[in-house]
Amino acid sequence: MREMDFTTENIDCCEIGDIMEVTEYKLPASYWYLLENSYGASGNYKNAERLKSKFGKVVRKWKDKKFNYITLEFDE
């Protein structure tokens, strides 16, 4: 299993256990991912760290002083 964090403005867009689709975008030297309906965005990942799955399960919703986060778990 692999986990990935996404920053979000609306932490109430999903519930723990929901399955969400992610879309991959390519930058010149890396990749990043967007949650369905633009609910959140990931950080940048190297080519070797690319996702193989298009769907992930919400396993955690959390906050720090600056951002709201949603953590998805992928079958990889």
N, C-alpha and C. Protein backbone atom coordinates (compact mmCIF):
# COMPACT_ATOMS: atom_id res chain seq x y z
N MET A 1 0.84 -1.19 0.00
CA MET A 1 0.00 0.00 0.00
C MET A 1 0.88 1.25 0.00
N ARG A 2 0.41 2.24 -0.69
CA ARG A 2 1.14 3.50 -0.78
C ARG A 2 0.20 4.63 -0.39
N GLU A 3 0.69 5.59 0.37
CA GLU A 3 -0.11 6.74 0.77
C GLU A 3 0.45 8.00 0.13
N MET A 4 -0.47 8.93 -0.18
CA MET A 4 -0.09 10.20 -0.78
C MET A 4 -0.97 11.30 -0.18
N ASP A 5 -0.36 12.42 0.19
CA ASP A 5 -1.09 13.55 0.76
C ASP A 5 -1.44 14.56 -0.33
N PHE A 6 -2.63 15.14 -0.20
CA PHE A 6 -3.11 16.17 -1.11
C PHE A 6 -3.53 17.37 -0.28
N THR A 7 -3.09 18.58 -0.66
CA THR A 7 -3.58 19.78 0.00
C THR A 7 -4.95 20.10 -0.55
N THR A 8 -5.81 20.66 0.31
CA THR A 8 -7.17 20.98 -0.11
C THR A 8 -7.66 22.22 0.61
N GLU A 9 -8.54 22.96 -0.02
CA GLU A 9 -9.19 24.09 0.63
C GLU A 9 -10.45 23.64 1.35
N ASN A 10 -11.07 22.57 0.86
CA ASN A 10 -12.33 22.08 1.42
C ASN A 10 -12.13 20.68 1.98
N ILE A 11 -11.81 20.59 3.25
CA ILE A 11 -11.54 19.29 3.87
C ILE A 11 -12.81 18.46 4.01
N ASP A 12 -13.97 19.08 3.86
CA ASP A 12 -15.25 18.37 3.97
C ASP A 12 -15.74 17.84 2.62
N CYS A 13 -14.89 17.83 1.61
CA CYS A 13 -15.29 17.37 0.27
C CYS A 13 -15.43 15.86 0.20
N CYS A 14 -14.96 15.15 1.21
CA CYS A 14 -15.01 13.68 1.19
C CYS A 14 -15.04 13.16 2.62
N GLU A 15 -15.28 11.87 2.74
CA GLU A 15 -15.31 11.20 4.04
C GLU A 15 -14.27 10.08 4.04
N ILE A 16 -13.84 9.68 5.22
CA ILE A 16 -12.93 8.54 5.35
C ILE A 16 -13.60 7.32 4.71
N GLY A 17 -12.86 6.61 3.87
CA GLY A 17 -13.38 5.44 3.19
C GLY A 17 -13.85 5.69 1.77
N ASP A 18 -14.04 6.97 1.39
CA ASP A 18 -14.44 7.29 0.01
C ASP A 18 -13.33 6.90 -0.97
N ILE A 19 -13.72 6.48 -2.16
CA ILE A 19 -12.78 6.21 -3.24
C ILE A 19 -12.77 7.42 -4.16
N MET A 20 -11.58 7.98 -4.40
CA MET A 20 -11.46 9.18 -5.23
C MET A 20 -10.53 8.91 -6.41
N GLU A 21 -10.87 9.53 -7.53
CA GLU A 21 -10.04 9.41 -8.73
C GLU A 21 -8.98 10.51 -8.74
N VAL A 22 -7.79 10.18 -9.22
CA VAL A 22 -6.73 11.17 -9.37
C VAL A 22 -6.33 11.25 -10.85
N THR A 23 -5.95 12.45 -11.27
CA THR A 23 -5.49 12.69 -12.63
C THR A 23 -4.03 13.11 -12.57
N GLU A 24 -3.22 12.52 -13.43
CA GLU A 24 -1.78 12.80 -13.46
C GLU A 24 -1.48 13.92 -14.45
N TYR A 25 -0.58 14.82 -14.03
CA TYR A 25 -0.10 15.90 -14.90
C TYR A 25 1.41 15.86 -14.94
N LYS A 26 1.96 16.13 -16.12
CA LYS A 26 3.41 16.06 -16.31
C LYS A 26 4.02 17.46 -16.31
N LEU A 27 5.10 17.60 -15.56
CA LEU A 27 5.95 18.79 -15.60
C LEU A 27 7.23 18.41 -16.34
N PRO A 28 8.11 19.35 -16.64
CA PRO A 28 9.32 18.98 -17.38
C PRO A 28 10.15 17.87 -16.73
N ALA A 29 10.24 17.85 -15.41
CA ALA A 29 11.08 16.85 -14.75
C ALA A 29 10.36 16.04 -13.68
N SER A 30 9.05 16.19 -13.59
CA SER A 30 8.31 15.48 -12.53
C SER A 30 6.83 15.37 -12.90
N TYR A 31 6.07 14.79 -11.97
CA TYR A 31 4.63 14.61 -12.13
C TYR A 31 3.93 15.09 -10.87
N TRP A 32 2.68 15.53 -11.03
CA TRP A 32 1.85 15.87 -9.88
C TRP A 32 0.44 15.37 -10.16
N TYR A 33 -0.39 15.32 -9.10
CA TYR A 33 -1.70 14.69 -9.20
C TYR A 33 -2.78 15.62 -8.65
N LEU A 34 -3.94 15.57 -9.30
CA LEU A 34 -5.09 16.38 -8.92
C LEU A 34 -6.24 15.45 -8.55
N LEU A 35 -6.86 15.70 -7.40
CA LEU A 35 -8.02 14.91 -7.00
C LEU A 35 -9.22 15.27 -7.87
N GLU A 36 -10.15 14.33 -8.00
CA GLU A 36 -11.36 14.56 -8.79
C GLU A 36 -12.04 15.86 -8.36
N ASN A 37 -12.66 16.51 -9.31
CA ASN A 37 -13.36 17.79 -9.09
C ASN A 37 -12.44 18.88 -8.54
N SER A 38 -11.15 18.73 -8.74
CA SER A 38 -10.14 19.71 -8.28
C SER A 38 -10.20 19.94 -6.78
N TYR A 39 -10.52 18.90 -6.01
CA TYR A 39 -10.61 19.04 -4.56
C TYR A 39 -9.25 19.19 -3.89
N GLY A 40 -8.18 18.74 -4.52
CA GLY A 40 -6.87 18.84 -3.90
C GLY A 40 -5.76 18.52 -4.88
N ALA A 41 -4.54 18.93 -4.52
CA ALA A 41 -3.38 18.70 -5.38
C ALA A 41 -2.25 18.11 -4.55
N SER A 42 -1.47 17.25 -5.20
CA SER A 42 -0.32 16.64 -4.55
C SER A 42 0.91 17.52 -4.73
N GLY A 43 1.99 17.10 -4.12
CA GLY A 43 3.29 17.68 -4.41
C GLY A 43 3.82 17.08 -5.70
N ASN A 44 5.07 17.38 -6.03
CA ASN A 44 5.69 16.85 -7.24
C ASN A 44 6.40 15.54 -6.93
N TYR A 45 6.35 14.61 -7.90
CA TYR A 45 6.97 13.29 -7.75
C TYR A 45 7.86 13.00 -8.95
N LYS A 46 8.99 12.35 -8.68
CA LYS A 46 9.91 11.95 -9.75
C LYS A 46 9.30 10.83 -10.58
N ASN A 47 9.88 10.60 -11.74
CA ASN A 47 9.39 9.57 -12.65
C ASN A 47 9.30 8.20 -11.96
N ALA A 48 10.29 7.86 -11.16
CA ALA A 48 10.30 6.57 -10.47
C ALA A 48 9.21 6.47 -9.40
N GLU A 49 8.63 7.60 -8.99
CA GLU A 49 7.61 7.63 -7.95
C GLU A 49 6.19 7.77 -8.50
N ARG A 50 6.04 7.67 -9.82
CA ARG A 50 4.72 7.85 -10.44
C ARG A 50 3.72 6.83 -9.93
N LEU A 51 2.46 7.25 -9.85
CA LEU A 51 1.38 6.35 -9.47
C LEU A 51 1.05 5.40 -10.61
N LYS A 52 0.68 4.20 -10.26
CA LYS A 52 0.18 3.24 -11.24
C LYS A 52 -1.34 3.17 -11.18
N SER A 53 -1.90 3.54 -10.03
CA SER A 53 -3.35 3.49 -9.80
C SER A 53 -3.99 4.83 -10.14
N LYS A 54 -5.24 4.80 -10.55
CA LYS A 54 -5.99 6.02 -10.81
C LYS A 54 -6.99 6.33 -9.71
N PHE A 55 -7.17 5.38 -8.78
CA PHE A 55 -8.14 5.55 -7.71
C PHE A 55 -7.48 5.27 -6.37
N GLY A 56 -7.84 6.07 -5.37
CA GLY A 56 -7.32 5.88 -4.02
C GLY A 56 -8.43 5.99 -3.00
N LYS A 57 -8.20 5.42 -1.83
CA LYS A 57 -9.17 5.43 -0.74
C LYS A 57 -8.75 6.48 0.29
N VAL A 58 -9.68 7.32 0.72
CA VAL A 58 -9.41 8.33 1.73
C VAL A 58 -9.20 7.63 3.07
N VAL A 59 -8.02 7.81 3.66
CA VAL A 59 -7.71 7.16 4.94
C VAL A 59 -7.50 8.16 6.07
N ARG A 60 -7.34 9.45 5.73
CA ARG A 60 -7.08 10.44 6.78
C ARG A 60 -7.40 11.84 6.25
N LYS A 61 -7.95 12.67 7.13
CA LYS A 61 -8.15 14.10 6.86
C LYS A 61 -7.51 14.83 8.03
N TRP A 62 -6.64 15.79 7.75
CA TRP A 62 -5.92 16.45 8.83
C TRP A 62 -5.51 17.87 8.44
N LYS A 63 -5.07 18.63 9.45
CA LYS A 63 -4.69 20.03 9.25
C LYS A 63 -3.36 20.29 9.95
N ASP A 64 -2.64 21.27 9.43
CA ASP A 64 -1.54 21.84 10.19
C ASP A 64 -1.79 23.35 10.25
N LYS A 65 -0.81 24.13 10.62
CA LYS A 65 -1.03 25.56 10.78
C LYS A 65 -1.34 26.28 9.46
N LYS A 66 -0.90 25.71 8.33
CA LYS A 66 -1.07 26.39 7.05
C LYS A 66 -2.12 25.78 6.13
N PHE A 67 -2.23 24.45 6.12
CA PHE A 67 -3.04 23.79 5.10
C PHE A 67 -3.95 22.70 5.67
N ASN A 68 -4.94 22.33 4.87
CA ASN A 68 -5.76 21.15 5.11
C ASN A 68 -5.25 20.05 4.18
N TYR A 69 -5.28 18.81 4.66
CA TYR A 69 -4.77 17.69 3.87
C TYR A 69 -5.77 16.54 3.83
N ILE A 70 -5.72 15.81 2.73
CA ILE A 70 -6.43 14.54 2.58
C ILE A 70 -5.38 13.51 2.21
N THR A 71 -5.34 12.40 2.93
CA THR A 71 -4.39 11.32 2.62
C THR A 71 -5.15 10.20 1.95
N LEU A 72 -4.67 9.80 0.77
CA LEU A 72 -5.24 8.67 0.03
C LEU A 72 -4.29 7.49 0.07
N GLU A 73 -4.88 6.30 0.10
CA GLU A 73 -4.11 5.06 0.07
C GLU A 73 -4.35 4.39 -1.28
N PHE A 74 -3.27 3.96 -1.92
CA PHE A 74 -3.34 3.33 -3.24
C PHE A 74 -2.85 1.90 -3.16
N ASP A 75 -3.42 1.01 -3.97
CA ASP A 75 -3.01 -0.39 -4.02
C ASP A 75 -1.78 -0.54 -4.88
N GLU A 76 -0.64 -0.19 -4.33
CA GLU A 76 0.64 -0.31 -5.05
C GLU A 76 1.69 -0.85 -4.12
